[in-house]
């Protein structure tokens, strides 16, 4: 599965080390446009939560219209602090209750 990671340099670097495609951007408009334009090319899109502050509703609406799941996550280096929130985010996106 081809995965796209979008966010800060640290966030994207982590996912690049896992072999994912990474786009470094912290500009909300650029992130939103990149997701819309490339959604059909990927099986999963992972976005840095700090990048989407202020456009959460637009991202949620877009995730309902495009095929690949869109996960908005805290940076992986902070996951140990928010493991429960990551699990609930994955369940929400995958529509598992």
C-alpha atoms as a PDB file:
ATOM      1  CA  UNK A   1       0.000   0.000   0.000  1.00  0.00           C
ATOM      2  CA  UNK A   2       1.307   3.436  -0.931  1.00  0.00           C
ATOM      3  CA  UNK A   3       1.161   5.874   2.001  1.00  0.00           C
ATOM      4  CA  UNK A   4       1.506   9.667   1.955  1.00  0.00           C
ATOM      5  CA  UNK A   5       2.653  11.522   5.077  1.00  0.00           C
ATOM      6  CA  UNK A   6       2.196  15.294   5.244  1.00  0.00           C
ATOM      7  CA  UNK A   7       3.427  17.590   7.980  1.00  0.00           C
ATOM      8  CA  UNK A   8       6.397  19.059   9.750  1.00  0.00           C
ATOM      9  CA  UNK A   9       9.930  17.989   8.927  1.00  0.00           C
ATOM     10  CA  UNK A  10      10.219  15.704  11.993  1.00  0.00           C
ATOM     11  CA  UNK A  11       6.822  14.115  11.331  1.00  0.00           C
ATOM     12  CA  UNK A  12       7.563  13.422   7.664  1.00  0.00           C
ATOM     13  CA  UNK A  13      11.089  12.174   8.376  1.00  0.00           C
ATOM     14  CA  UNK A  14       9.721   9.504  10.699  1.00  0.00           C
ATOM     15  CA  UNK A  15       7.359   8.195   8.030  1.00  0.00           C
ATOM     16  CA  UNK A  16      10.019   8.411   5.302  1.00  0.00           C
ATOM     17  CA  UNK A  17      12.170   6.098   7.411  1.00  0.00           C
ATOM     18  CA  UNK A  18       9.305   3.612   7.198  1.00  0.00           C
ATOM     19  CA  UNK A  19       9.338   3.880   3.405  1.00  0.00           C
ATOM     20  CA  UNK A  20       6.378   6.202   2.965  1.00  0.00           C
ATOM     21  CA  UNK A  21       6.175   9.171   0.621  1.00  0.00           C
ATOM     22  CA  UNK A  22       6.563  12.399   2.579  1.00  0.00           C
ATOM     23  CA  UNK A  23       5.628  15.995   1.906  1.00  0.00           C
ATOM     24  CA  UNK A  24       6.984  18.617   4.265  1.00  0.00           C
ATOM     25  CA  UNK A  25       4.518  21.455   4.637  1.00  0.00           C
ATOM     26  CA  UNK A  26       3.022  23.419   7.470  1.00  0.00           C
ATOM     27  CA  UNK A  27       0.864  25.653   5.286  1.00  0.00           C
ATOM     28  CA  UNK A  28      -2.792  24.687   5.811  1.00  0.00           C
ATOM     29  CA  UNK A  29      -3.904  25.600   2.289  1.00  0.00           C
ATOM     30  CA  UNK A  30      -1.043  23.695   0.679  1.00  0.00           C
ATOM     31  CA  UNK A  31      -1.770  20.634   2.825  1.00  0.00           C
ATOM     32  CA  UNK A  32      -5.475  20.696   1.989  1.00  0.00           C
ATOM     33  CA  UNK A  33      -4.833  21.152  -1.754  1.00  0.00           C
ATOM     34  CA  UNK A  34      -2.205  18.408  -1.753  1.00  0.00           C
ATOM     35  CA  UNK A  35      -4.637  15.971  -0.155  1.00  0.00           C
ATOM     36  CA  UNK A  36      -7.374  16.808  -2.661  1.00  0.00           C
ATOM     37  CA  UNK A  37      -5.091  16.512  -5.672  1.00  0.00           C
ATOM     38  CA  UNK A  38      -3.298  13.306  -4.742  1.00  0.00           C
ATOM     39  CA  UNK A  39      -5.865  11.340  -2.732  1.00  0.00           C
ATOM     40  CA  UNK A  40      -6.569   8.833  -5.496  1.00  0.00           C
ATOM     41  CA  UNK A  41      -2.865   7.948  -5.781  1.00  0.00           C
ATOM     42  CA  UNK A  42      -2.508   6.614  -2.231  1.00  0.00           C
ATOM     43  CA  UNK A  43      -3.974   3.906  -0.037  1.00  0.00           C
ATOM     44  CA  UNK A  44      -3.586   5.946   3.150  1.00  0.00           C
ATOM     45  CA  UNK A  45      -2.842   9.581   3.984  1.00  0.00           C
ATOM     46  CA  UNK A  46      -1.306  10.461   7.350  1.00  0.00           C
ATOM     47  CA  UNK A  47      -1.270  14.107   8.447  1.00  0.00           C
ATOM     48  CA  UNK A  48       0.494  15.849  11.308  1.00  0.00           C
ATOM     49  CA  UNK A  49      -2.184  17.144  13.713  1.00  0.00           C
ATOM     50  CA  UNK A  50      -0.312  20.410  14.270  1.00  0.00           C
ATOM     51  CA  UNK A  51      -0.590  21.217  10.549  1.00  0.00           C
ATOM     52  CA  UNK A  52      -4.384  20.983  10.368  1.00  0.00           C
ATOM     53  CA  UNK A  53      -5.262  23.165  13.340  1.00  0.00           C
ATOM     54  CA  UNK A  54      -8.033  25.443  12.162  1.00  0.00           C
ATOM     55  CA  UNK A  55      -9.104  23.291   9.205  1.00  0.00           C
ATOM     56  CA  UNK A  56     -10.168  20.148  11.057  1.00  0.00           C
ATOM     57  CA  UNK A  57     -13.742  20.364   9.759  1.00  0.00           C
ATOM     58  CA  UNK A  58     -12.588  20.664   6.147  1.00  0.00           C
ATOM     59  CA  UNK A  59     -10.273  17.664   6.582  1.00  0.00           C
ATOM     60  CA  UNK A  60     -13.092  15.613   8.152  1.00  0.00           C
ATOM     61  CA  UNK A  61     -15.471  16.486   5.303  1.00  0.00           C
ATOM     62  CA  UNK A  62     -12.815  15.640   2.729  1.00  0.00           C
ATOM     63  CA  UNK A  63     -12.099  12.309   4.406  1.00  0.00           C
ATOM     64  CA  UNK A  64     -15.747  11.366   3.903  1.00  0.00           C
ATOM     65  CA  UNK A  65     -15.554  12.119   0.161  1.00  0.00           C
ATOM     66  CA  UNK A  66     -12.235  10.558  -0.852  1.00  0.00           C
ATOM     67  CA  UNK A  67     -11.365   6.890  -1.024  1.00  0.00           C
ATOM     68  CA  UNK A  68      -8.180   6.501   1.017  1.00  0.00           C
ATOM     69  CA  UNK A  69      -8.493   6.846   4.763  1.00  0.00           C
ATOM     70  CA  UNK A  70      -7.062  10.077   6.135  1.00  0.00           C
ATOM     71  CA  UNK A  71      -5.503   9.837   9.572  1.00  0.00           C
ATOM     72  CA  UNK A  72      -4.679  12.978  11.520  1.00  0.00           C
ATOM     73  CA  UNK A  73      -2.134  11.982  14.132  1.00  0.00           C
ATOM     74  CA  UNK A  74       0.060  13.492  16.778  1.00  0.00           C
ATOM     75  CA  UNK A  75       3.726  13.263  15.810  1.00  0.00           C
ATOM     76  CA  UNK A  76       5.022   9.695  16.315  1.00  0.00           C
ATOM     77  CA  UNK A  77       7.623  10.894  18.781  1.00  0.00           C
ATOM     78  CA  UNK A  78       4.743  11.947  21.042  1.00  0.00           C
ATOM     79  CA  UNK A  79       2.684   8.759  20.620  1.00  0.00           C
ATOM     80  CA  UNK A  80       3.756   7.400  23.977  1.00  0.00           C
ATOM     81  CA  UNK A  81       1.828  10.291  25.509  1.00  0.00           C
ATOM     82  CA  UNK A  82      -1.285   9.827  23.402  1.00  0.00           C
ATOM     83  CA  UNK A  83      -1.589   6.123  22.568  1.00  0.00           C
ATOM     84  CA  UNK A  84      -5.289   6.134  23.491  1.00  0.00           C
ATOM     85  CA  UNK A  85      -5.995   9.071  21.177  1.00  0.00           C
ATOM     86  CA  UNK A  86      -4.203   7.344  18.272  1.00  0.00           C
ATOM     87  CA  UNK A  87      -6.250   4.208  18.816  1.00  0.00           C
ATOM     88  CA  UNK A  88      -9.520   6.152  18.901  1.00  0.00           C
ATOM     89  CA  UNK A  89      -8.508   8.122  15.782  1.00  0.00           C
ATOM     90  CA  UNK A  90      -7.803   4.916  13.849  1.00  0.00           C
ATOM     91  CA  UNK A  91     -11.152   3.470  14.950  1.00  0.00           C
ATOM     92  CA  UNK A  92     -12.968   6.649  13.911  1.00  0.00           C
ATOM     93  CA  UNK A  93     -11.404   6.733  10.471  1.00  0.00           C
ATOM     94  CA  UNK A  94     -11.862   3.016   9.854  1.00  0.00           C
ATOM     95  CA  UNK A  95     -15.422   3.310  11.190  1.00  0.00           C
ATOM     96  CA  UNK A  96     -14.834   0.691  13.884  1.00  0.00           C
ATOM     97  CA  UNK A  97     -16.634   1.192  17.176  1.00  0.00           C
END
